[in-house]
Amino acid sequence: MCEEDVRAVMRHSSSMVGSDSSARAPYGVLGEGKSHPRAYGAFPRVLGKYVREERILTLQDAIRKMTSLPAQKLRLKDRGLIGRA
């Protein structure tokens, strides 16, 4: 996907931010091998590139696309929002 298309998708109100990296652990079977940079870089990239540098998203919109929106779409109860118990 070209960068212009990525920007258009990022601006869309229903787009979400995620990573296709597999789970990693410090030891055991899930700790073997090397992880892809997306394992740790997808979310900082959005905050750095699309929020801070290019200003196509507000910080609030980016955080929503990473937290409450995916939780809502996946119907994960009690996830994605910080609130009082």
N, C-alpha and C. Protein backbone atom coordinates (compact mmCIF):
# COMPACT_ATOMS: atom_id res chain seq x y z
N MET A 1 0.86 -1.17 0.00
CA MET A 1 0.00 0.00 0.00
C MET A 1 0.90 1.23 0.00
N CYS A 2 0.59 2.17 -0.83
CA CYS A 2 1.41 3.38 -0.90
C CYS A 2 1.11 4.28 0.31
N GLU A 3 2.05 5.15 0.62
CA GLU A 3 1.92 6.01 1.80
C GLU A 3 0.69 6.91 1.74
N GLU A 4 0.33 7.38 0.56
CA GLU A 4 -0.87 8.21 0.42
C GLU A 4 -2.12 7.43 0.84
N ASP A 5 -2.18 6.16 0.45
CA ASP A 5 -3.31 5.31 0.85
C ASP A 5 -3.31 5.06 2.35
N VAL A 6 -2.13 4.85 2.92
CA VAL A 6 -2.03 4.64 4.37
C VAL A 6 -2.57 5.87 5.11
N ARG A 7 -2.21 7.04 4.66
CA ARG A 7 -2.71 8.28 5.29
C ARG A 7 -4.23 8.36 5.20
N ALA A 8 -4.78 8.00 4.06
CA ALA A 8 -6.24 8.03 3.89
C ALA A 8 -6.91 7.05 4.84
N VAL A 9 -6.35 5.87 4.98
CA VAL A 9 -6.91 4.87 5.89
C VAL A 9 -6.79 5.36 7.33
N MET A 10 -5.65 5.92 7.69
CA MET A 10 -5.44 6.40 9.06
C MET A 10 -6.45 7.48 9.42
N ARG A 11 -6.82 8.31 8.46
CA ARG A 11 -7.78 9.39 8.71
C ARG A 11 -9.22 8.89 8.88
N HIS A 12 -9.52 7.72 8.34
CA HIS A 12 -10.89 7.22 8.38
C HIS A 12 -11.30 6.94 9.83
N SER A 13 -12.50 7.35 10.19
CA SER A 13 -12.95 7.24 11.58
C SER A 13 -13.05 5.81 12.10
N SER A 14 -13.24 4.84 11.22
CA SER A 14 -13.38 3.46 11.70
C SER A 14 -12.10 2.64 11.57
N SER A 15 -11.00 3.26 11.14
CA SER A 15 -9.76 2.49 11.05
C SER A 15 -9.16 2.29 12.43
N MET A 16 -8.52 1.14 12.61
CA MET A 16 -7.91 0.79 13.89
C MET A 16 -6.43 0.51 13.66
N VAL A 17 -5.66 0.64 14.72
CA VAL A 17 -4.23 0.36 14.66
C VAL A 17 -3.97 -0.96 15.36
N GLY A 18 -3.21 -1.82 14.70
CA GLY A 18 -2.86 -3.10 15.29
C GLY A 18 -1.54 -3.60 14.75
N SER A 19 -1.15 -4.76 15.20
CA SER A 19 0.10 -5.37 14.75
C SER A 19 -0.17 -6.83 14.43
N ASP A 20 0.49 -7.33 13.41
CA ASP A 20 0.31 -8.74 13.05
C ASP A 20 1.44 -9.60 13.60
N SER A 21 2.13 -9.11 14.59
CA SER A 21 3.24 -9.85 15.18
C SER A 21 2.71 -10.98 16.07
N SER A 22 3.48 -12.02 16.17
CA SER A 22 3.11 -13.12 17.06
C SER A 22 3.53 -12.80 18.49
N ALA A 23 2.99 -13.55 19.43
CA ALA A 23 3.33 -13.34 20.84
C ALA A 23 4.77 -13.76 21.10
N ARG A 24 5.44 -13.03 21.97
CA ARG A 24 6.82 -13.33 22.34
C ARG A 24 6.91 -13.43 23.85
N ALA A 25 7.85 -14.21 24.31
CA ALA A 25 8.10 -14.35 25.74
C ALA A 25 9.60 -14.27 25.99
N PRO A 26 10.01 -13.95 27.21
CA PRO A 26 11.45 -13.87 27.48
C PRO A 26 12.13 -15.23 27.52
N TYR A 27 11.36 -16.31 27.61
CA TYR A 27 11.94 -17.65 27.68
C TYR A 27 10.92 -18.67 27.17
N GLY A 28 11.32 -19.90 27.00
CA GLY A 28 10.42 -20.96 26.55
C GLY A 28 10.17 -20.92 25.06
N VAL A 29 9.18 -21.69 24.61
CA VAL A 29 8.87 -21.83 23.20
C VAL A 29 8.56 -20.48 22.55
N LEU A 30 7.83 -19.63 23.23
CA LEU A 30 7.47 -18.33 22.66
C LEU A 30 8.62 -17.32 22.71
N GLY A 31 9.74 -17.72 23.29
CA GLY A 31 10.90 -16.85 23.34
C GLY A 31 11.95 -17.18 22.30
N GLU A 32 11.73 -18.24 21.54
CA GLU A 32 12.70 -18.67 20.53
C GLU A 32 12.57 -17.84 19.26
N GLY A 33 13.68 -17.67 18.56
CA GLY A 33 13.67 -16.94 17.31
C GLY A 33 13.71 -15.44 17.51
N LYS A 34 13.66 -14.74 16.40
CA LYS A 34 13.70 -13.28 16.45
C LYS A 34 12.35 -12.72 16.04
N SER A 35 11.97 -11.64 16.68
CA SER A 35 10.69 -11.03 16.35
C SER A 35 10.88 -10.00 15.24
N HIS A 36 9.80 -9.67 14.59
CA HIS A 36 9.80 -8.66 13.54
C HIS A 36 9.71 -7.28 14.19
N PRO A 37 10.27 -6.24 13.57
CA PRO A 37 10.18 -4.89 14.15
C PRO A 37 8.75 -4.44 14.46
N ARG A 38 7.76 -4.93 13.71
CA ARG A 38 6.37 -4.55 13.99
C ARG A 38 5.92 -5.02 15.36
N ALA A 39 6.61 -6.02 15.92
CA ALA A 39 6.23 -6.50 17.24
C ALA A 39 6.26 -5.38 18.27
N TYR A 40 7.18 -4.47 18.11
CA TYR A 40 7.33 -3.38 19.08
C TYR A 40 7.21 -2.00 18.45
N GLY A 41 7.19 -1.91 17.14
CA GLY A 41 7.26 -0.61 16.49
C GLY A 41 5.99 -0.07 15.88
N ALA A 42 4.94 -0.86 15.75
CA ALA A 42 3.73 -0.40 15.06
C ALA A 42 3.09 0.79 15.77
N PHE A 43 2.93 0.69 17.07
CA PHE A 43 2.25 1.75 17.81
C PHE A 43 3.11 3.00 17.95
N PRO A 44 4.40 2.88 18.30
CA PRO A 44 5.24 4.09 18.31
C PRO A 44 5.32 4.77 16.95
N ARG A 45 5.28 3.99 15.87
CA ARG A 45 5.32 4.59 14.53
C ARG A 45 4.11 5.47 14.29
N VAL A 46 2.94 4.99 14.66
CA VAL A 46 1.73 5.80 14.48
C VAL A 46 1.83 7.09 15.29
N LEU A 47 2.26 6.97 16.53
CA LEU A 47 2.35 8.16 17.38
C LEU A 47 3.41 9.13 16.87
N GLY A 48 4.54 8.61 16.44
CA GLY A 48 5.61 9.47 15.96
C GLY A 48 5.34 10.06 14.59
N LYS A 49 4.98 9.19 13.64
CA LYS A 49 4.83 9.64 12.25
C LYS A 49 3.52 10.37 11.99
N TYR A 50 2.41 9.75 12.35
CA TYR A 50 1.11 10.29 11.96
C TYR A 50 0.53 11.30 12.95
N VAL A 51 0.99 11.25 14.20
CA VAL A 51 0.54 12.24 15.18
C VAL A 51 1.53 13.40 15.28
N ARG A 52 2.76 13.09 15.65
CA ARG A 52 3.73 14.15 15.91
C ARG A 52 4.28 14.80 14.64
N GLU A 53 4.73 13.98 13.68
CA GLU A 53 5.39 14.54 12.49
C GLU A 53 4.40 15.07 11.45
N GLU A 54 3.47 14.23 11.02
CA GLU A 54 2.58 14.62 9.93
C GLU A 54 1.29 15.29 10.39
N ARG A 55 0.95 15.12 11.65
CA ARG A 55 -0.23 15.74 12.24
C ARG A 55 -1.53 15.42 11.48
N ILE A 56 -1.64 14.19 11.02
CA ILE A 56 -2.89 13.80 10.37
C ILE A 56 -3.87 13.19 11.37
N LEU A 57 -3.38 12.85 12.56
CA LEU A 57 -4.23 12.37 13.65
C LEU A 57 -3.92 13.18 14.90
N THR A 58 -4.94 13.40 15.71
CA THR A 58 -4.67 13.96 17.03
C THR A 58 -4.20 12.81 17.93
N LEU A 59 -3.55 13.15 19.02
CA LEU A 59 -3.13 12.12 19.96
C LEU A 59 -4.34 11.34 20.47
N GLN A 60 -5.43 12.04 20.74
CA GLN A 60 -6.64 11.39 21.23
C GLN A 60 -7.19 10.40 20.21
N ASP A 61 -7.23 10.78 18.94
CA ASP A 61 -7.73 9.87 17.91
C ASP A 61 -6.83 8.65 17.76
N ALA A 62 -5.53 8.85 17.80
CA ALA A 62 -4.60 7.73 17.67
C ALA A 62 -4.76 6.75 18.83
N ILE A 63 -4.84 7.26 20.04
CA ILE A 63 -5.01 6.39 21.21
C ILE A 63 -6.33 5.63 21.12
N ARG A 64 -7.38 6.29 20.67
CA ARG A 64 -8.68 5.62 20.49
C ARG A 64 -8.57 4.49 19.48
N LYS A 65 -7.86 4.72 18.37
CA LYS A 65 -7.69 3.70 17.33
C LYS A 65 -6.88 2.51 17.83
N MET A 66 -6.10 2.70 18.91
CA MET A 66 -5.27 1.64 19.47
C MET A 66 -5.92 0.92 20.65
N THR A 67 -6.93 1.52 21.24
CA THR A 67 -7.46 0.98 22.50
C THR A 67 -8.97 0.73 22.47
N SER A 68 -9.75 1.78 22.68
CA SER A 68 -11.20 1.57 22.85
C SER A 68 -11.91 1.13 21.59
N LEU A 69 -11.50 1.62 20.43
CA LEU A 69 -12.18 1.22 19.19
C LEU A 69 -11.98 -0.27 18.89
N PRO A 70 -10.76 -0.81 18.93
CA PRO A 70 -10.62 -2.26 18.73
C PRO A 70 -11.36 -3.08 19.78
N ALA A 71 -11.30 -2.64 21.05
CA ALA A 71 -12.01 -3.37 22.10
C ALA A 71 -13.51 -3.38 21.83
N GLN A 72 -14.04 -2.26 21.40
CA GLN A 72 -15.47 -2.16 21.09
C GLN A 72 -15.83 -3.06 19.91
N LYS A 73 -15.06 -2.99 18.84
CA LYS A 73 -15.36 -3.78 17.63
C LYS A 73 -15.24 -5.28 17.89
N LEU A 74 -14.30 -5.67 18.75
CA LEU A 74 -14.10 -7.08 19.07
C LEU A 74 -14.96 -7.54 20.24
N ARG A 75 -15.78 -6.62 20.75
CA ARG A 75 -16.69 -6.90 21.87
C ARG A 75 -15.96 -7.44 23.09
N LEU A 76 -14.85 -6.79 23.42
CA LEU A 76 -14.09 -7.14 24.60
C LEU A 76 -14.60 -6.29 25.76
N LYS A 77 -15.30 -6.91 26.66
CA LYS A 77 -15.88 -6.18 27.79
C LYS A 77 -14.78 -5.76 28.76
N ASP A 78 -14.96 -4.62 29.35
CA ASP A 78 -14.03 -4.08 30.35
C ASP A 78 -12.62 -3.92 29.81
N ARG A 79 -12.50 -3.56 28.55
CA ARG A 79 -11.18 -3.34 27.94
C ARG A 79 -11.23 -2.08 27.08
N GLY A 80 -10.08 -1.43 26.96
CA GLY A 80 -9.95 -0.32 26.03
C GLY A 80 -10.18 1.06 26.60
N LEU A 81 -10.71 1.15 27.80
CA LEU A 81 -10.97 2.44 28.43
C LEU A 81 -10.44 2.44 29.85
N ILE A 82 -9.98 3.60 30.29
CA ILE A 82 -9.59 3.76 31.69
C ILE A 82 -10.77 4.41 32.38
N GLY A 83 -11.24 3.80 33.44
CA GLY A 83 -12.40 4.35 34.14
C GLY A 83 -12.41 3.92 35.59
N ARG A 84 -13.39 4.39 36.29
CA ARG A 84 -13.53 4.02 37.70
C ARG A 84 -14.26 2.69 37.80
N ALA A 85 -13.82 1.89 38.74
CA ALA A 85 -14.42 0.57 38.94
C ALA A 85 -15.70 0.66 39.73
